[in-house]
N, C-alpha and C. Protein backbone atom coordinates (compact mmCIF):
# COMPACT_ATOMS: atom_id res chain seq x y z
N UNK A 1 84.42 -50.96 -50.20
CA UNK A 1 84.30 -51.76 -52.02
C UNK A 1 83.18 -51.15 -51.89
N UNK A 2 82.88 -49.92 -53.00
CA UNK A 2 81.27 -49.92 -53.44
C UNK A 2 80.25 -50.75 -53.61
N UNK A 3 79.15 -50.69 -53.84
CA UNK A 3 77.67 -51.56 -54.15
C UNK A 3 77.86 -52.08 -55.46
N UNK A 4 78.41 -50.51 -56.18
CA UNK A 4 78.40 -51.10 -58.08
C UNK A 4 79.56 -50.81 -58.21
N UNK A 5 80.29 -50.74 -57.39
CA UNK A 5 82.10 -50.07 -57.99
C UNK A 5 82.68 -51.67 -58.23
N UNK A 6 83.86 -52.07 -58.68
CA UNK A 6 84.35 -52.81 -59.04
C UNK A 6 85.02 -53.33 -58.16
N UNK A 7 84.86 -55.08 -57.74
CA UNK A 7 85.17 -55.99 -56.21
C UNK A 7 83.29 -55.70 -56.54
N UNK A 8 82.71 -55.56 -56.53
CA UNK A 8 81.49 -55.80 -56.23
C UNK A 8 81.01 -56.80 -56.89
N UNK A 9 79.85 -57.91 -56.57
CA UNK A 9 79.11 -58.94 -57.79
C UNK A 9 78.26 -58.33 -58.51
N UNK A 10 77.79 -57.00 -58.14
CA UNK A 10 76.66 -56.20 -58.78
C UNK A 10 78.05 -55.58 -60.12
N UNK A 11 78.48 -55.13 -60.18
CA UNK A 11 79.46 -54.71 -61.40
C UNK A 11 79.76 -55.84 -62.27
N UNK A 12 80.10 -56.91 -61.86
CA UNK A 12 79.92 -58.04 -63.26
C UNK A 12 78.86 -58.65 -63.45
N UNK A 13 77.80 -58.77 -63.27
CA UNK A 13 76.69 -58.76 -63.36
C UNK A 13 75.47 -57.67 -63.75
N UNK A 14 75.21 -56.99 -63.47
CA UNK A 14 74.90 -56.02 -64.48
C UNK A 14 76.07 -55.37 -65.98
N UNK A 15 77.13 -55.39 -65.51
CA UNK A 15 78.02 -54.90 -66.56
C UNK A 15 78.25 -56.10 -67.69
N UNK A 16 78.08 -57.26 -67.10
CA UNK A 16 78.73 -58.61 -67.81
C UNK A 16 80.25 -58.42 -67.81
N UNK A 17 81.14 -58.20 -66.71
CA UNK A 17 82.10 -58.41 -66.73
C UNK A 17 83.29 -60.34 -66.51
N UNK A 18 83.72 -60.17 -66.57
CA UNK A 18 84.55 -61.72 -65.69
C UNK A 18 83.87 -61.17 -64.28
N UNK A 19 84.16 -62.56 -63.82
CA UNK A 19 83.66 -62.27 -62.93
C UNK A 19 84.99 -62.28 -61.53
N UNK A 20 86.09 -62.50 -62.60
CA UNK A 20 87.36 -62.97 -61.61
C UNK A 20 88.21 -61.75 -61.12
N UNK A 21 88.18 -60.52 -62.91
CA UNK A 21 89.07 -59.54 -62.61
C UNK A 21 88.15 -58.30 -62.89
N UNK A 22 86.99 -58.50 -63.46
CA UNK A 22 86.09 -57.20 -63.68
C UNK A 22 86.31 -56.87 -64.97
N UNK A 23 87.47 -57.28 -66.11
CA UNK A 23 87.75 -56.55 -66.65
C UNK A 23 87.50 -57.01 -68.32
N UNK A 24 87.91 -58.31 -68.43
CA UNK A 24 87.02 -59.28 -69.23
C UNK A 24 85.85 -58.88 -70.00
N UNK A 25 84.83 -58.90 -70.63
CA UNK A 25 83.74 -58.89 -71.08
C UNK A 25 83.70 -60.49 -71.34
N UNK A 26 82.29 -60.92 -70.92
CA UNK A 26 81.64 -61.98 -71.39
C UNK A 26 81.38 -62.69 -72.88
N UNK A 27 80.60 -61.21 -73.32
CA UNK A 27 80.17 -61.67 -74.73
C UNK A 27 80.99 -60.92 -75.42
N UNK A 28 80.61 -61.61 -76.62
CA UNK A 28 81.00 -60.99 -77.91
C UNK A 28 80.95 -60.26 -78.36
N UNK A 29 79.78 -59.42 -78.67
CA UNK A 29 79.07 -58.40 -79.42
C UNK A 29 77.87 -57.95 -78.62
N UNK A 30 77.44 -56.85 -78.97
CA UNK A 30 75.91 -55.91 -78.44
C UNK A 30 74.78 -56.88 -78.38
N UNK A 31 73.49 -57.03 -77.07
CA UNK A 31 73.12 -57.78 -76.61
C UNK A 31 71.53 -57.67 -78.12
N UNK A 32 71.79 -57.03 -78.56
CA UNK A 32 70.64 -56.44 -79.94
C UNK A 32 71.02 -57.05 -81.57
N UNK A 33 72.20 -57.96 -81.25
CA UNK A 33 73.07 -58.22 -82.43
C UNK A 33 72.44 -59.35 -82.18
N UNK A 34 70.92 -59.58 -82.89
CA UNK A 34 70.72 -61.00 -82.82
C UNK A 34 70.86 -62.58 -83.46
N UNK A 35 71.68 -62.09 -84.34
CA UNK A 35 72.78 -63.10 -84.53
C UNK A 35 73.53 -63.80 -83.80
N UNK A 36 74.03 -62.96 -82.99
CA UNK A 36 75.27 -62.73 -82.19
C UNK A 36 75.01 -63.08 -80.91
N UNK A 37 74.13 -62.73 -80.07
CA UNK A 37 73.63 -62.10 -79.14
C UNK A 37 74.12 -63.27 -78.14
N UNK A 38 73.76 -64.50 -78.20
CA UNK A 38 74.23 -66.02 -77.43
C UNK A 38 75.85 -66.02 -77.05
N UNK A 39 76.39 -65.28 -78.35
CA UNK A 39 78.09 -65.79 -78.41
C UNK A 39 79.36 -65.40 -77.43
N UNK A 40 79.62 -65.96 -76.42
CA UNK A 40 80.20 -65.88 -75.28
C UNK A 40 81.65 -66.04 -75.76
N UNK A 41 83.05 -65.41 -75.30
CA UNK A 41 84.17 -65.25 -75.34
C UNK A 41 84.97 -66.76 -74.16
N UNK A 42 85.61 -67.51 -74.63
CA UNK A 42 85.60 -68.94 -74.25
C UNK A 42 86.69 -68.26 -72.69
N UNK A 43 87.33 -67.33 -73.18
CA UNK A 43 88.57 -67.26 -71.29
C UNK A 43 88.13 -65.32 -71.89
N UNK A 44 88.45 -65.20 -70.35
CA UNK A 44 88.63 -63.38 -70.23
C UNK A 44 89.79 -63.50 -71.08
N UNK A 45 89.47 -61.60 -71.43
CA UNK A 45 90.76 -61.29 -72.32
C UNK A 45 92.10 -60.70 -71.68
N UNK A 46 91.44 -60.72 -70.21
CA UNK A 46 92.30 -59.77 -69.40
C UNK A 46 93.26 -61.15 -68.26
N UNK A 47 92.26 -61.75 -68.09
CA UNK A 47 93.44 -62.50 -66.60
C UNK A 47 93.18 -64.79 -67.21
N UNK A 48 92.77 -64.30 -68.44
CA UNK A 48 92.42 -65.94 -68.91
C UNK A 48 91.48 -67.20 -68.54
N UNK A 49 90.69 -66.06 -67.81
CA UNK A 49 89.71 -67.03 -66.68
C UNK A 49 89.03 -67.97 -67.50
N UNK A 50 88.86 -69.32 -67.57
CA UNK A 50 87.89 -69.70 -68.93
C UNK A 50 86.37 -69.85 -68.04
N UNK A 51 85.20 -69.16 -68.82
CA UNK A 51 83.99 -68.88 -68.31
C UNK A 51 83.22 -70.32 -68.54
N UNK A 52 83.27 -70.65 -69.02
CA UNK A 52 83.03 -72.27 -69.08
C UNK A 52 82.96 -73.64 -68.29
N UNK A 53 83.00 -73.64 -66.78
CA UNK A 53 83.94 -74.17 -66.30
C UNK A 53 83.73 -75.69 -66.78
N UNK A 54 82.63 -76.10 -66.85
CA UNK A 54 82.37 -77.75 -66.78
C UNK A 54 81.12 -77.62 -67.79
N UNK A 55 81.14 -79.16 -69.10
CA UNK A 55 80.23 -78.71 -69.66
C UNK A 55 79.08 -78.83 -69.79
N UNK A 56 78.28 -78.28 -70.25
CA UNK A 56 76.83 -77.63 -70.07
C UNK A 56 75.95 -76.51 -69.21
N UNK A 57 77.41 -75.82 -68.58
CA UNK A 57 77.33 -75.36 -67.16
C UNK A 57 76.90 -74.35 -66.41
N UNK A 58 76.15 -73.86 -68.25
CA UNK A 58 75.00 -72.70 -68.41
C UNK A 58 73.85 -72.96 -68.85
N UNK A 59 73.83 -74.22 -68.32
CA UNK A 59 72.05 -74.42 -68.53
C UNK A 59 71.60 -74.81 -67.29
N UNK A 60 72.18 -74.48 -66.25
CA UNK A 60 71.80 -73.85 -65.16
C UNK A 60 71.14 -72.46 -65.01
N UNK A 61 71.71 -71.65 -66.02
CA UNK A 61 71.31 -70.37 -66.12
C UNK A 61 69.92 -70.26 -66.51
N UNK A 62 69.54 -71.22 -66.84
CA UNK A 62 67.67 -70.86 -67.22
C UNK A 62 67.10 -71.48 -66.22
N UNK A 63 67.18 -71.69 -65.34
CA UNK A 63 66.71 -71.68 -63.54
C UNK A 63 66.46 -69.70 -63.04
N UNK A 64 67.96 -69.37 -63.52
CA UNK A 64 67.79 -67.92 -63.36
C UNK A 64 67.14 -66.83 -63.92
N UNK A 65 66.78 -67.73 -65.27
CA UNK A 65 65.99 -66.79 -66.65
C UNK A 65 64.27 -66.80 -66.31
N UNK A 66 64.29 -67.83 -65.85
CA UNK A 66 62.82 -68.70 -66.05
C UNK A 66 62.27 -67.96 -64.61
N UNK A 67 63.44 -67.50 -63.47
CA UNK A 67 62.94 -66.28 -62.06
C UNK A 67 62.95 -64.75 -62.77
N UNK A 68 63.71 -64.95 -63.42
CA UNK A 68 63.47 -62.65 -64.02
C UNK A 68 62.39 -63.31 -64.78
N UNK A 69 62.45 -63.14 -65.42
CA UNK A 69 61.17 -63.83 -66.56
C UNK A 69 59.19 -63.75 -66.20
N UNK A 70 59.24 -65.00 -64.87
CA UNK A 70 58.42 -64.69 -64.15
C UNK A 70 57.96 -63.67 -63.74
N UNK A 71 58.65 -62.90 -62.51
CA UNK A 71 58.87 -61.42 -62.39
C UNK A 71 58.71 -60.74 -62.83
N UNK A 72 58.65 -60.36 -63.93
CA UNK A 72 58.55 -59.68 -65.08
C UNK A 72 57.25 -59.17 -65.52
N UNK A 73 56.77 -60.55 -65.97
CA UNK A 73 55.19 -61.13 -66.36
C UNK A 73 54.76 -60.45 -64.87
N UNK A 74 54.86 -61.49 -64.24
CA UNK A 74 53.97 -60.79 -62.88
C UNK A 74 53.68 -59.48 -62.65
N UNK A 75 55.01 -59.07 -62.48
CA UNK A 75 55.04 -57.12 -61.89
C UNK A 75 54.22 -56.98 -62.99
N UNK A 76 54.83 -56.64 -64.93
CA UNK A 76 54.10 -55.87 -65.51
C UNK A 76 52.54 -56.00 -65.88
N UNK A 77 51.92 -57.50 -65.07
CA UNK A 77 50.38 -57.87 -65.50
C UNK A 77 49.99 -56.98 -64.20
N UNK A 78 49.79 -57.44 -63.00
CA UNK A 78 49.43 -56.83 -62.56
C UNK A 78 49.47 -55.58 -62.27
N UNK A 79 50.42 -54.79 -62.41
CA UNK A 79 50.59 -53.24 -62.81
C UNK A 79 49.80 -53.15 -64.18
N UNK A 80 49.91 -53.37 -64.75
CA UNK A 80 48.95 -52.82 -65.86
C UNK A 80 47.47 -53.12 -64.92
N UNK A 81 47.24 -54.09 -64.78
CA UNK A 81 45.72 -54.34 -64.34
C UNK A 81 45.22 -53.50 -63.56
N UNK A 82 46.07 -53.02 -62.10
CA UNK A 82 46.05 -51.85 -61.51
C UNK A 82 46.09 -50.36 -62.19
N UNK A 83 46.67 -50.42 -62.90
CA UNK A 83 46.72 -48.84 -63.79
C UNK A 83 45.50 -48.94 -64.76
N UNK A 84 45.12 -49.47 -65.56
CA UNK A 84 44.32 -49.47 -66.35
C UNK A 84 43.01 -50.33 -65.99
N UNK A 85 42.38 -50.51 -64.95
CA UNK A 85 41.36 -52.14 -64.39
C UNK A 85 40.65 -52.25 -65.88
N UNK A 86 40.48 -51.92 -66.98
CA UNK A 86 39.18 -51.74 -67.39
C UNK A 86 40.03 -52.30 -68.99
N UNK A 87 40.82 -52.61 -68.84
CA UNK A 87 42.15 -53.19 -69.78
C UNK A 87 41.79 -54.99 -70.19
N UNK A 88 41.23 -55.24 -71.07
CA UNK A 88 40.58 -56.65 -71.74
C UNK A 88 42.16 -57.90 -70.66
N UNK A 89 41.69 -58.80 -69.97
CA UNK A 89 43.10 -59.42 -69.93
C UNK A 89 43.83 -60.03 -70.86
N UNK A 90 43.32 -60.40 -71.90
CA UNK A 90 44.02 -60.33 -73.33
C UNK A 90 45.00 -59.99 -73.69
N UNK A 91 44.99 -57.99 -74.11
CA UNK A 91 45.61 -57.83 -74.50
C UNK A 91 46.50 -57.26 -73.30
N UNK A 92 46.43 -57.76 -71.64
CA UNK A 92 47.31 -57.50 -71.01
C UNK A 92 48.80 -57.99 -70.74
N UNK A 93 48.40 -59.69 -71.12
CA UNK A 93 49.02 -60.68 -71.52
C UNK A 93 49.43 -60.38 -73.06
N UNK A 94 49.36 -60.22 -73.84
CA UNK A 94 49.71 -59.95 -74.72
C UNK A 94 50.42 -58.99 -75.24
N UNK A 95 50.61 -57.71 -74.47
CA UNK A 95 51.54 -56.86 -74.46
C UNK A 95 53.17 -57.15 -73.51
N UNK A 96 52.05 -58.26 -72.30
CA UNK A 96 53.58 -58.92 -71.53
C UNK A 96 54.46 -60.03 -72.34
N UNK A 97 53.49 -60.48 -73.00
CA UNK A 97 54.22 -61.77 -73.38
C UNK A 97 55.34 -60.71 -74.44
N UNK A 98 54.83 -59.66 -75.46
CA UNK A 98 55.39 -59.17 -76.58
C UNK A 98 56.69 -58.65 -75.15
N UNK A 99 56.14 -57.15 -73.77
CA UNK A 99 57.64 -57.44 -73.65
C UNK A 99 59.00 -58.10 -73.07
N UNK A 100 58.30 -59.76 -73.31
CA UNK A 100 59.32 -60.60 -72.85
C UNK A 100 60.08 -61.04 -74.18
N UNK A 101 59.37 -60.82 -75.11
CA UNK A 101 60.10 -61.59 -76.12
C UNK A 101 61.37 -60.07 -76.43
N UNK A 102 61.04 -58.96 -76.33
CA UNK A 102 61.37 -57.77 -76.45
C UNK A 102 62.88 -58.05 -75.63
N UNK A 103 62.64 -58.23 -74.34
CA UNK A 103 63.59 -58.28 -73.48
C UNK A 103 64.39 -59.90 -73.29
N UNK A 104 64.10 -60.48 -74.31
CA UNK A 104 64.99 -61.53 -74.01
C UNK A 104 66.33 -61.52 -73.87
N UNK A 105 66.76 -61.16 -75.31
CA UNK A 105 68.50 -60.30 -75.10
C UNK A 105 69.03 -60.63 -74.09
N UNK A 106 68.62 -59.47 -73.24
CA UNK A 106 68.66 -58.58 -72.05
C UNK A 106 68.52 -59.87 -70.57
N UNK A 107 67.69 -60.32 -70.35
CA UNK A 107 67.00 -61.55 -69.26
C UNK A 107 68.22 -62.34 -69.96
N UNK A 108 68.78 -63.31 -71.22
CA UNK A 108 69.25 -63.88 -71.57
C UNK A 108 70.83 -63.99 -71.06
N UNK A 109 71.25 -62.14 -71.06
CA UNK A 109 72.79 -62.39 -70.72
C UNK A 109 72.80 -62.41 -69.56
N UNK A 110 71.80 -61.67 -68.76
CA UNK A 110 71.85 -61.20 -67.50
C UNK A 110 71.44 -62.66 -66.33
N UNK A 111 71.29 -63.71 -66.87
CA UNK A 111 71.13 -64.63 -66.51
C UNK A 111 72.42 -65.28 -66.68
N UNK A 112 72.56 -65.54 -67.27
CA UNK A 112 74.52 -66.07 -67.85
C UNK A 112 75.05 -65.43 -66.41
N UNK A 113 75.01 -64.29 -66.94
CA UNK A 113 76.29 -63.55 -65.80
C UNK A 113 75.87 -63.29 -64.11
N UNK A 114 74.19 -63.83 -64.43
CA UNK A 114 74.14 -64.00 -62.29
C UNK A 114 74.91 -65.33 -62.15
N UNK A 115 74.64 -66.80 -62.91
CA UNK A 115 74.59 -67.59 -63.18
C UNK A 115 76.39 -67.58 -63.00
N UNK A 116 76.93 -66.90 -63.46
CA UNK A 116 78.97 -67.61 -63.31
C UNK A 116 79.49 -66.73 -62.11
N UNK A 117 78.23 -65.42 -61.91
CA UNK A 117 78.95 -65.31 -61.24
C UNK A 117 78.25 -66.22 -58.96
N UNK A 118 77.45 -66.68 -59.23
CA UNK A 118 77.08 -67.66 -58.25
C UNK A 118 78.35 -68.60 -57.76
N UNK A 119 79.27 -68.78 -59.02
CA UNK A 119 80.90 -69.67 -58.74
C UNK A 119 81.80 -69.05 -58.73
N UNK A 120 82.13 -67.48 -59.08
CA UNK A 120 83.44 -67.37 -59.47
C UNK A 120 83.32 -65.59 -58.45
N UNK A 121 84.25 -65.55 -57.62
CA UNK A 121 84.34 -64.32 -57.24
C UNK A 121 85.36 -63.60 -57.70
N UNK A 122 85.49 -62.48 -57.84
CA UNK A 122 86.81 -61.35 -57.33
C UNK A 122 87.29 -61.56 -57.05
N UNK A 123 88.94 -61.21 -57.34
CA UNK A 123 90.36 -61.57 -57.01
C UNK A 123 91.38 -60.48 -57.37
N UNK A 124 91.24 -59.91 -56.04
CA UNK A 124 92.27 -58.62 -56.35
C UNK A 124 93.94 -59.14 -56.79
N UNK A 125 94.71 -60.25 -56.11
CA UNK A 125 95.46 -60.58 -56.06
C UNK A 125 95.98 -60.70 -58.10
N UNK A 126 94.73 -61.11 -58.89
CA UNK A 126 95.06 -61.45 -60.23
C UNK A 126 95.36 -59.98 -60.88
N UNK A 127 94.20 -59.04 -60.19
CA UNK A 127 94.36 -57.55 -61.00
C UNK A 127 95.46 -57.60 -60.89
N UNK A 128 96.10 -57.41 -59.56
CA UNK A 128 97.24 -56.44 -59.12
C UNK A 128 98.28 -57.08 -59.30
N UNK A 129 98.67 -58.53 -59.95
CA UNK A 129 99.42 -58.60 -61.19
C UNK A 129 100.08 -58.90 -62.18
N UNK A 130 98.49 -58.60 -62.68
CA UNK A 130 97.84 -58.03 -64.42
C UNK A 130 98.89 -56.50 -64.06
N UNK A 131 98.78 -55.21 -63.53
CA UNK A 131 98.99 -54.11 -63.32
C UNK A 131 99.89 -54.45 -63.02
N UNK A 132 101.25 -55.41 -62.33
CA UNK A 132 102.51 -54.70 -62.10
C UNK A 132 103.25 -55.02 -63.34
N UNK A 133 102.42 -56.32 -64.63
CA UNK A 133 103.14 -56.79 -65.76
C UNK A 133 103.50 -55.07 -66.48
């Protein structure tokens, strides 16, 4: 199994694919379609897996998103202070906040994709059954 190939969790997480078959998309539109960036399919178009396995399932993704945003903010802030020593901290913080807002659709989607992959795994049998049909 390749690190980023089909069958790996990273494949499903980074490409926002169904965690069970790695074929169907999790989201209905592109990330920067700001009206619809959070809309998800209810089921996988390939294997039929239901994505929201219980009510409010994706609320747990907020913890993943929070961790991703904090890591991003700290890394960019510390990096900017190290590279540009005499930068006013308020300017650095404004840059970090603007970057976080700009990347919000991406971190939102990745946090949901990571969260669902905690609870579901790739199933070669489902993929094999679909290929046979």
